[in-house]
Structure formats: C-alpha cells, structure tokens
N, C-alpha and C. Protein backbone atom coordinates (compact mmCIF):
# COMPACT_ATOMS: atom_id res chain seq x y z
N MET A 1 0.85 -1.18 0.00
CA MET A 1 0.00 0.00 0.00
C MET A 1 0.88 1.23 0.00
N SER A 2 0.52 2.19 -0.74
CA SER A 2 1.29 3.43 -0.84
C SER A 2 1.14 4.25 0.43
N SER A 3 2.21 4.94 0.81
CA SER A 3 2.13 5.77 2.00
C SER A 3 1.63 7.17 1.68
N SER A 4 1.39 7.47 0.40
CA SER A 4 0.87 8.77 0.01
C SER A 4 -0.64 8.72 0.00
N TYR A 5 -1.25 9.72 0.57
CA TYR A 5 -2.70 9.78 0.64
C TYR A 5 -3.19 11.09 0.09
N ASN A 6 -4.37 11.04 -0.48
CA ASN A 6 -5.08 12.25 -0.86
C ASN A 6 -6.07 12.51 0.26
N ASN A 7 -6.09 13.71 0.83
CA ASN A 7 -6.95 13.99 1.97
C ASN A 7 -8.42 13.67 1.70
N ARG A 8 -8.85 13.74 0.47
CA ARG A 8 -10.25 13.48 0.16
C ARG A 8 -10.56 12.00 0.05
N SER A 9 -9.55 11.17 -0.24
CA SER A 9 -9.83 9.76 -0.49
C SER A 9 -9.45 8.85 0.66
N ALA A 10 -8.66 9.30 1.61
CA ALA A 10 -8.19 8.44 2.69
C ALA A 10 -9.10 8.56 3.90
N SER A 11 -9.57 7.42 4.36
CA SER A 11 -10.36 7.42 5.59
C SER A 11 -9.42 7.14 6.76
N LEU A 12 -9.83 7.50 7.93
CA LEU A 12 -8.99 7.26 9.10
C LEU A 12 -8.70 5.78 9.32
N PRO A 13 -9.67 4.88 9.13
CA PRO A 13 -9.32 3.46 9.26
C PRO A 13 -8.24 3.02 8.27
N ASP A 14 -8.26 3.56 7.06
CA ASP A 14 -7.21 3.24 6.08
C ASP A 14 -5.85 3.75 6.55
N VAL A 15 -5.82 4.96 7.05
CA VAL A 15 -4.57 5.54 7.56
C VAL A 15 -4.08 4.72 8.75
N TYR A 16 -4.97 4.39 9.66
CA TYR A 16 -4.62 3.60 10.84
C TYR A 16 -3.98 2.27 10.43
N PHE A 17 -4.62 1.58 9.50
CA PHE A 17 -4.11 0.29 9.05
C PHE A 17 -2.73 0.43 8.42
N GLN A 18 -2.56 1.41 7.57
CA GLN A 18 -1.27 1.62 6.89
C GLN A 18 -0.17 1.91 7.90
N VAL A 19 -0.45 2.79 8.85
CA VAL A 19 0.55 3.15 9.85
C VAL A 19 0.89 1.96 10.72
N TRP A 20 -0.12 1.26 11.17
CA TRP A 20 0.10 0.12 12.07
C TRP A 20 0.85 -0.99 11.34
N GLU A 21 0.51 -1.23 10.08
CA GLU A 21 1.16 -2.28 9.30
C GLU A 21 2.63 -1.95 9.04
N SER A 22 2.92 -0.69 8.71
CA SER A 22 4.28 -0.31 8.37
C SER A 22 5.12 0.02 9.61
N GLY A 23 4.47 0.42 10.69
CA GLY A 23 5.20 0.82 11.89
C GLY A 23 5.78 2.22 11.80
N THR A 24 5.40 2.94 10.74
CA THR A 24 5.91 4.29 10.52
C THR A 24 4.77 5.23 10.12
N MET A 25 4.74 6.41 10.73
CA MET A 25 3.74 7.40 10.37
C MET A 25 4.38 8.42 9.44
N SER A 26 3.90 8.46 8.20
CA SER A 26 4.43 9.38 7.20
C SER A 26 3.88 10.79 7.40
N LEU A 27 4.48 11.72 6.71
CA LEU A 27 4.01 13.10 6.76
C LEU A 27 2.57 13.21 6.27
N SER A 28 2.24 12.48 5.22
CA SER A 28 0.87 12.54 4.70
C SER A 28 -0.13 11.97 5.71
N ALA A 29 0.24 10.92 6.40
CA ALA A 29 -0.64 10.35 7.43
C ALA A 29 -0.82 11.34 8.58
N ARG A 30 0.26 12.01 8.98
CA ARG A 30 0.15 13.01 10.06
C ARG A 30 -0.74 14.17 9.64
N THR A 31 -0.64 14.56 8.37
CA THR A 31 -1.48 15.66 7.87
C THR A 31 -2.95 15.28 7.92
N ILE A 32 -3.26 14.05 7.56
CA ILE A 32 -4.65 13.58 7.59
C ILE A 32 -5.15 13.54 9.03
N LEU A 33 -4.33 13.05 9.95
CA LEU A 33 -4.73 13.01 11.35
C LEU A 33 -4.97 14.42 11.90
N GLN A 34 -4.09 15.34 11.55
CA GLN A 34 -4.23 16.72 12.00
C GLN A 34 -5.51 17.34 11.46
N ALA A 35 -5.77 17.16 10.17
CA ALA A 35 -6.98 17.71 9.56
C ALA A 35 -8.23 17.11 10.20
N SER A 36 -8.17 15.84 10.52
CA SER A 36 -9.32 15.17 11.16
C SER A 36 -9.58 15.74 12.55
N LEU A 37 -8.51 15.98 13.28
CA LEU A 37 -8.66 16.54 14.63
C LEU A 37 -9.24 17.95 14.61
N LEU A 38 -9.00 18.68 13.53
CA LEU A 38 -9.50 20.05 13.42
C LEU A 38 -10.96 20.12 12.98
N GLU A 39 -11.54 18.99 12.57
CA GLU A 39 -12.94 18.98 12.18
C GLU A 39 -13.81 19.24 13.41
N GLU A 40 -14.89 19.93 13.20
CA GLU A 40 -15.76 20.25 14.32
C GLU A 40 -16.49 19.04 14.87
N GLN A 41 -16.87 18.14 14.00
CA GLN A 41 -17.65 16.98 14.44
C GLN A 41 -16.90 15.69 14.09
N LEU A 42 -15.97 15.31 14.93
CA LEU A 42 -15.21 14.08 14.74
C LEU A 42 -15.95 12.94 15.44
N LYS A 43 -16.15 11.86 14.72
CA LYS A 43 -16.84 10.70 15.30
C LYS A 43 -16.00 10.12 16.43
N GLU A 44 -16.68 9.56 17.42
CA GLU A 44 -15.99 8.97 18.56
C GLU A 44 -15.07 7.83 18.13
N ALA A 45 -15.49 7.03 17.16
CA ALA A 45 -14.66 5.92 16.68
C ALA A 45 -13.40 6.45 16.00
N ASP A 46 -13.52 7.54 15.25
CA ASP A 46 -12.35 8.14 14.60
C ASP A 46 -11.40 8.73 15.63
N ARG A 47 -11.94 9.34 16.64
CA ARG A 47 -11.11 9.90 17.73
C ARG A 47 -10.35 8.78 18.43
N ALA A 48 -11.01 7.64 18.62
CA ALA A 48 -10.35 6.50 19.27
C ALA A 48 -9.19 5.98 18.43
N LEU A 49 -9.35 5.95 17.10
CA LEU A 49 -8.26 5.51 16.22
C LEU A 49 -7.06 6.45 16.34
N ILE A 50 -7.33 7.74 16.36
CA ILE A 50 -6.25 8.72 16.49
C ILE A 50 -5.55 8.56 17.83
N ASP A 51 -6.33 8.38 18.88
CA ASP A 51 -5.75 8.19 20.21
C ASP A 51 -4.87 6.95 20.27
N ARG A 52 -5.31 5.86 19.62
CA ARG A 52 -4.52 4.63 19.59
C ARG A 52 -3.19 4.84 18.86
N LEU A 53 -3.24 5.57 17.74
CA LEU A 53 -2.01 5.83 17.00
C LEU A 53 -1.04 6.68 17.82
N LEU A 54 -1.56 7.71 18.47
CA LEU A 54 -0.70 8.57 19.29
C LEU A 54 -0.11 7.79 20.47
N TYR A 55 -0.88 6.91 21.04
CA TYR A 55 -0.39 6.06 22.13
C TYR A 55 0.73 5.15 21.62
N ALA A 56 0.55 4.58 20.42
CA ALA A 56 1.56 3.71 19.82
C ALA A 56 2.86 4.48 19.57
N VAL A 57 2.75 5.73 19.17
CA VAL A 57 3.95 6.56 18.98
C VAL A 57 4.64 6.78 20.32
N ARG A 58 3.87 7.13 21.34
CA ARG A 58 4.47 7.37 22.66
C ARG A 58 5.16 6.12 23.21
N GLN A 59 4.61 4.95 22.93
CA GLN A 59 5.18 3.70 23.42
C GLN A 59 6.38 3.23 22.59
N GLY A 60 6.59 3.87 21.44
CA GLY A 60 7.69 3.47 20.57
C GLY A 60 7.36 2.37 19.60
N TRP A 61 6.09 1.99 19.50
CA TRP A 61 5.65 0.94 18.58
C TRP A 61 5.55 1.46 17.15
N VAL A 62 5.35 2.77 17.01
CA VAL A 62 5.25 3.42 15.70
C VAL A 62 6.23 4.58 15.70
N SER A 63 7.00 4.69 14.61
CA SER A 63 7.95 5.80 14.51
C SER A 63 7.40 6.86 13.59
N ILE A 64 7.93 8.06 13.73
CA ILE A 64 7.53 9.19 12.91
C ILE A 64 8.56 9.35 11.80
N ALA A 65 8.12 9.33 10.55
CA ALA A 65 9.03 9.48 9.40
C ALA A 65 9.08 10.93 8.97
N GLY A 66 10.20 11.36 8.47
CA GLY A 66 10.34 12.68 7.88
C GLY A 66 10.23 13.83 8.85
N THR A 67 10.72 13.69 10.05
CA THR A 67 10.63 14.78 11.02
C THR A 67 11.67 15.80 10.84
C-alpha cells in the first residue's frame, strides 16, 4: 500500500491500518490526522483511532518518518 494519501480519499481506518502495518507514520498520514482533529464533528470511533495511534507513537511501537 502506498504511504501517500489524498486527503479526500483516505479514511482514518485506512490511515490507521497503513501506519500500524508499516510501523511508521508518514508526513501525509500526520497531515490527515491533523486535519481530522480540526474537524468540528469528529466521530468517537475516529477519535479513538487517532488516540490509539498517538499512544503507539508514545510507546515506541510506531515511529515518525520525515521529522
């Protein structure tokens, strides 16, 4: 799966799966997560996915690429 995403075509579950599978969060994935967090009405399930990814980064299970 490509690590490049178009903000209009990538859903949070797709981003979550790609990041978890690769173990690396790309710049495009971070941009999608940031844009999602800035939405006024974020679904609880989507918020939980973002929280899980951020927890994985803090634990060292997922690394940040291109920092």
